[in-house]
Amino acid sequence: VSPPKGQGPHAAELPYTPGFEVVGTVVALGKGVTGFSLGQRVASVLEEGGYAQYALAPLEKTYPVPEGLSDGDATLMLVQGLTAYGILFDAARIQPGEWVLVQAAAGGVGNLALQLAKRAGAKVIGTAGSEPKLERVRALGADLALNYSNPGWETAIMEATGGAGVNVLLESVGGPAAQAALSVMAPFGRVVMFGGASGQMVPPGAMMMGMMMKGLNFTGFNPWQRPEKAAGNAKAVAVAILSGQ
């Protein structure tokens, strides 16, 4: 196993206190802060410092926790939940009946996106890199679960969609898996890129060819670029969790 390279997007200088998703109770308010009260349960995304008894939460990334939502489930409102909800409804604008391909569907964002897409009436294909993960994908309700490490997995997608291809691709793997996924896009499909777990991003040439030949729409997504939507999206994720869906 190769040692970690320390090249992640959130690399920091030492000394450093890790932890950036927190749930807790407000014990003090900063000067001029409104909309929150002492004793209120909140969830927040920090730059650092979450592994501590007390944390300083930025107002623009702090959200009320609905009654009945556990601390553990409340963390799903944050980075993973905001990303999953945003890529589906803000970036991809999915519609009922569409085919949605979720790459790395057993992962944190992927499994939430799969469930939210099914809840919205989409038909979902989920990919993963091992059989245990594929079992998880099936249990979450995917219409089709495929191992993107197996050659030719794209053929199964074209068969499932009657040769039409998928309308939406949620891409967070990169490399060969991403290029294979692009080959099964339907004309005028939407591709949302929000990661590169393989260490490789989608080649620019493949993007341009898809745009020209199939009229594909490519977009990236970062929930913090639309802070005005984050609070509403976090609440929507919480509602979905509380409903049991």
Protein backbone atom coordinates (compact mmCIF):
# COMPACT_ATOMS: atom_id res chain seq x y z
CA VAL A 1 0.00 0.00 0.00
CA SER A 2 1.45 3.35 -0.99
CA PRO A 3 1.83 5.93 1.80
CA PRO A 4 -0.48 8.94 1.71
CA LYS A 5 0.92 11.79 -0.35
CA GLY A 6 -0.61 14.71 1.53
CA GLN A 7 -1.84 16.20 -1.73
CA GLY A 8 -5.56 16.42 -0.97
CA PRO A 9 -7.50 19.60 -1.71
CA HIS A 10 -7.72 20.39 2.02
CA ALA A 11 -4.04 19.99 2.94
CA ALA A 12 -3.08 22.27 5.85
CA GLU A 13 -0.05 23.44 7.75
CA LEU A 14 0.73 21.95 11.16
CA PRO A 15 -0.28 22.41 13.93
CA TYR A 16 -3.77 21.53 12.79
CA THR A 17 -6.92 20.27 14.54
CA PRO A 18 -8.93 18.10 12.11
CA GLY A 19 -12.68 17.74 11.87
CA PHE A 20 -14.88 19.91 9.67
CA GLU A 21 -18.43 18.53 10.06
CA VAL A 22 -19.92 19.11 13.51
CA VAL A 23 -23.27 18.91 15.29
CA GLY A 24 -23.82 20.57 18.63
CA THR A 25 -25.62 23.14 20.74
CA VAL A 26 -25.13 26.89 20.52
CA VAL A 27 -23.47 28.15 23.72
CA ALA A 28 -22.55 31.64 22.53
CA LEU A 29 -23.32 33.95 19.61
CA GLY A 30 -20.92 36.24 17.80
CA LYS A 31 -21.51 39.97 17.60
CA GLY A 32 -24.45 40.80 15.36
CA VAL A 33 -25.43 37.15 14.75
CA THR A 34 -29.17 36.67 14.20
CA GLY A 35 -31.31 33.69 13.25
CA PHE A 36 -29.94 31.39 15.95
CA SER A 37 -30.46 31.22 19.71
CA LEU A 38 -28.61 29.90 22.73
CA GLY A 39 -29.33 26.21 23.34
CA GLN A 40 -30.35 25.57 19.73
CA ARG A 41 -29.08 22.40 18.01
CA VAL A 42 -27.16 23.17 14.85
CA ALA A 43 -24.93 21.50 12.30
CA SER A 44 -22.01 23.30 10.72
CA VAL A 45 -19.13 22.93 8.28
CA LEU A 46 -15.84 24.28 9.60
CA GLU A 47 -12.47 24.97 8.02
CA GLU A 48 -10.87 22.98 10.88
CA GLY A 49 -11.20 22.30 14.61
CA GLY A 50 -14.18 19.94 14.80
CA TYR A 51 -12.42 17.32 16.95
CA ALA A 52 -12.85 19.40 20.09
CA GLN A 53 -15.25 20.13 22.94
CA TYR A 54 -16.07 23.55 21.51
CA ALA A 55 -15.89 24.81 17.92
CA LEU A 56 -16.30 28.18 16.23
CA ALA A 57 -18.95 27.78 13.54
CA PRO A 58 -19.16 30.14 10.54
CA LEU A 59 -22.62 31.67 10.25
CA GLU A 60 -22.92 31.11 6.49
CA LYS A 61 -22.29 27.35 6.87
CA THR A 62 -24.42 26.65 9.95
CA TYR A 63 -27.91 25.12 9.75
CA PRO A 64 -30.67 24.32 12.25
CA VAL A 65 -31.10 20.62 13.09
CA PRO A 66 -34.77 19.58 12.89
CA GLU A 67 -36.29 17.95 15.95
CA GLY A 68 -36.09 14.16 15.84
CA LEU A 69 -32.90 14.05 13.77
CA SER A 70 -30.01 12.33 15.57
CA ASP A 71 -26.56 13.89 15.73
CA GLY A 72 -25.19 11.20 13.43
CA ASP A 73 -27.92 11.64 10.84
CA ALA A 74 -27.63 15.42 11.08
CA THR A 75 -24.10 15.21 9.68
CA LEU A 76 -25.65 13.87 6.46
CA MET A 77 -27.14 17.34 5.94
CA LEU A 78 -23.65 18.76 5.50
CA VAL A 79 -20.94 18.13 2.92
CA GLN A 80 -22.23 14.82 1.56
CA GLY A 81 -25.90 15.76 1.71
CA LEU A 82 -25.44 19.23 0.27
CA THR A 83 -23.33 17.82 -2.55
CA ALA A 84 -25.72 14.97 -3.37
CA TYR A 85 -28.78 17.23 -3.38
CA GLY A 86 -27.05 19.99 -5.32
CA ILE A 87 -25.63 17.82 -8.09
CA LEU A 88 -29.05 16.27 -8.68
CA PHE A 89 -31.41 19.20 -8.46
CA ASP A 90 -29.36 22.37 -8.94
CA ALA A 91 -26.78 21.17 -11.46
CA ALA A 92 -28.36 18.19 -13.28
CA ARG A 93 -32.00 19.27 -12.84
CA ILE A 94 -33.16 15.64 -12.96
CA GLN A 95 -36.71 14.81 -14.01
CA PRO A 96 -38.93 11.82 -13.15
CA GLY A 97 -38.39 8.90 -15.49
CA GLU A 98 -34.89 9.88 -16.55
CA TRP A 99 -31.97 7.47 -16.40
CA VAL A 100 -29.31 8.60 -13.94
CA LEU A 101 -25.86 6.99 -13.72
CA VAL A 102 -24.26 7.43 -10.28
CA GLN A 103 -20.57 6.61 -10.21
CA ALA A 104 -19.16 5.31 -6.89
CA ALA A 105 -22.72 4.80 -5.73
CA ALA A 106 -21.68 3.07 -2.49
CA GLY A 107 -19.69 6.08 -1.30
CA GLY A 108 -20.80 8.91 0.95
CA VAL A 109 -22.17 11.23 -1.73
CA GLY A 110 -23.08 8.46 -4.14
CA ASN A 111 -25.36 6.49 -1.83
CA LEU A 112 -27.28 9.64 -0.89
CA ALA A 113 -27.55 10.72 -4.53
CA LEU A 114 -28.85 7.27 -5.48
CA GLN A 115 -31.58 7.39 -2.84
CA LEU A 116 -32.55 11.00 -3.58
CA ALA A 117 -32.74 10.27 -7.31
CA LYS A 118 -35.01 7.26 -6.72
CA ARG A 119 -37.16 9.38 -4.41
CA ALA A 120 -37.51 11.92 -7.25
CA GLY A 121 -38.76 9.23 -9.64
CA ALA A 122 -35.59 8.62 -11.66
CA LYS A 123 -34.30 5.25 -12.86
CA VAL A 124 -30.85 4.80 -11.34
CA ILE A 125 -27.77 2.85 -12.39
CA GLY A 126 -25.13 2.68 -9.68
CA THR A 127 -21.52 1.67 -10.15
CA ALA A 128 -18.90 0.51 -7.64
CA GLY A 129 -15.58 -1.29 -7.64
CA SER A 130 -16.30 -4.47 -5.66
CA GLU A 131 -19.07 -6.98 -5.05
CA PRO A 132 -19.68 -6.01 -1.39
CA LYS A 133 -20.15 -2.41 -2.51
CA LEU A 134 -22.48 -3.52 -5.30
CA GLU A 135 -24.58 -5.39 -2.76
CA ARG A 136 -24.95 -2.11 -0.90
CA VAL A 137 -25.92 -0.32 -4.13
CA ARG A 138 -28.64 -2.89 -4.83
CA ALA A 139 -29.94 -2.65 -1.26
CA LEU A 140 -30.30 1.11 -1.69
CA GLY A 141 -32.70 0.56 -4.59
CA ALA A 142 -30.61 0.89 -7.76
CA ASP A 143 -32.34 -0.41 -10.89
CA LEU A 144 -28.98 -1.74 -12.07
CA ALA A 145 -25.64 -2.17 -10.23
CA LEU A 146 -22.41 -2.58 -12.20
CA ASN A 147 -18.71 -2.98 -11.44
CA TYR A 148 -16.83 -0.29 -13.35
CA SER A 149 -13.64 -2.36 -13.01
CA ASN A 150 -15.06 -5.01 -15.33
CA PRO A 151 -14.46 -4.48 -19.07
CA GLY A 152 -17.58 -3.91 -21.10
CA TRP A 153 -19.88 -2.76 -18.29
CA GLU A 154 -21.12 -0.02 -20.61
CA THR A 155 -22.88 -2.65 -22.75
CA ALA A 156 -25.21 -3.54 -19.86
CA ILE A 157 -26.21 0.11 -19.55
CA MET A 158 -27.13 0.40 -23.22
CA GLU A 159 -29.17 -2.79 -22.97
CA ALA A 160 -30.99 -1.56 -19.84
CA THR A 161 -31.85 1.75 -21.48
CA GLY A 162 -32.99 0.18 -24.73
CA GLY A 163 -30.04 1.66 -26.57
CA ALA A 164 -30.93 5.21 -25.60
CA GLY A 165 -28.23 5.79 -22.99
CA VAL A 166 -28.42 7.75 -19.74
CA ASN A 167 -29.71 11.29 -19.36
CA VAL A 168 -27.62 12.28 -16.35
CA LEU A 169 -24.13 11.24 -15.25
CA LEU A 170 -22.89 12.04 -11.75
CA GLU A 171 -19.14 11.63 -12.14
CA SER A 172 -16.69 11.46 -9.24
CA VAL A 173 -14.28 8.69 -10.30
CA GLY A 174 -12.40 10.00 -13.33
CA GLY A 175 -9.96 8.03 -15.46
CA PRO A 176 -11.11 5.09 -17.62
CA ALA A 177 -14.37 4.70 -15.68
CA ALA A 178 -15.34 8.25 -16.55
CA GLN A 179 -14.52 7.83 -20.23
CA ALA A 180 -16.58 4.64 -20.34
CA ALA A 181 -19.50 6.44 -18.70
CA LEU A 182 -19.34 9.24 -21.27
CA SER A 183 -19.78 6.66 -24.03
CA VAL A 184 -23.25 5.73 -22.75
CA MET A 185 -24.64 9.26 -22.53
CA ALA A 186 -27.86 10.00 -24.38
CA PRO A 187 -27.92 13.01 -26.73
CA PHE A 188 -28.23 16.31 -24.84
CA GLY A 189 -27.40 14.55 -21.57
CA ARG A 190 -26.04 16.37 -18.53
CA VAL A 191 -22.72 15.48 -16.91
CA VAL A 192 -21.96 16.79 -13.41
CA MET A 193 -18.36 16.39 -12.25
CA PHE A 194 -17.61 16.72 -8.56
CA GLY A 195 -14.57 14.56 -7.86
CA GLY A 196 -11.82 12.31 -9.16
CA ALA A 197 -11.36 9.38 -6.79
CA SER A 198 -9.02 7.61 -9.21
CA GLY A 199 -6.65 10.58 -9.13
CA GLN A 200 -7.52 11.35 -12.76
CA MET A 201 -10.05 13.83 -14.06
CA VAL A 202 -12.08 13.55 -17.26
CA PRO A 203 -9.73 14.29 -20.21
CA PRO A 204 -10.56 17.64 -21.87
CA GLY A 205 -10.59 15.95 -25.26
CA ALA A 206 -13.31 13.52 -24.18
CA MET A 207 -15.38 16.41 -22.84
CA MET A 208 -15.09 18.39 -26.06
CA MET A 209 -15.94 15.39 -28.21
CA GLY A 210 -19.02 14.68 -26.12
CA MET A 211 -20.14 18.28 -26.35
CA MET A 212 -19.75 18.33 -30.13
CA MET A 213 -21.07 14.90 -31.08
CA LYS A 214 -23.91 14.48 -28.59
CA GLY A 215 -24.63 18.02 -27.44
CA LEU A 216 -23.72 17.12 -23.86
CA ASN A 217 -23.82 19.68 -21.07
CA PHE A 218 -20.83 19.53 -18.71
CA THR A 219 -20.77 21.26 -15.34
CA GLY A 220 -18.82 21.08 -12.12
CA PHE A 221 -20.37 21.46 -8.69
CA ASN A 222 -19.34 22.86 -5.34
CA PRO A 223 -22.15 23.53 -2.81
CA TRP A 224 -20.30 26.51 -1.34
CA GLN A 225 -20.54 28.42 -4.61
CA ARG A 226 -24.28 28.75 -3.98
CA PRO A 227 -24.51 29.54 -0.27
CA GLU A 228 -27.97 31.06 -0.71
CA LYS A 229 -29.32 27.59 -1.59
CA ALA A 230 -27.38 25.59 0.99
CA ALA A 231 -29.76 26.08 3.92
CA GLY A 232 -32.80 25.02 1.90
CA ASN A 233 -30.97 22.04 0.45
CA ALA A 234 -29.77 20.94 3.91
CA LYS A 235 -33.37 21.09 5.15
CA ALA A 236 -34.56 19.04 2.16
CA VAL A 237 -32.01 16.33 2.96
CA ALA A 238 -33.13 16.35 6.60
CA VAL A 239 -36.78 15.96 5.55
CA ALA A 240 -35.85 12.97 3.36
CA ILE A 241 -33.99 11.34 6.26
CA LEU A 242 -36.79 11.94 8.76
CA SER A 243 -39.36 10.53 6.31
CA GLY A 244 -37.44 7.25 6.14
CA GLN A 245 -37.07 7.55 2.40
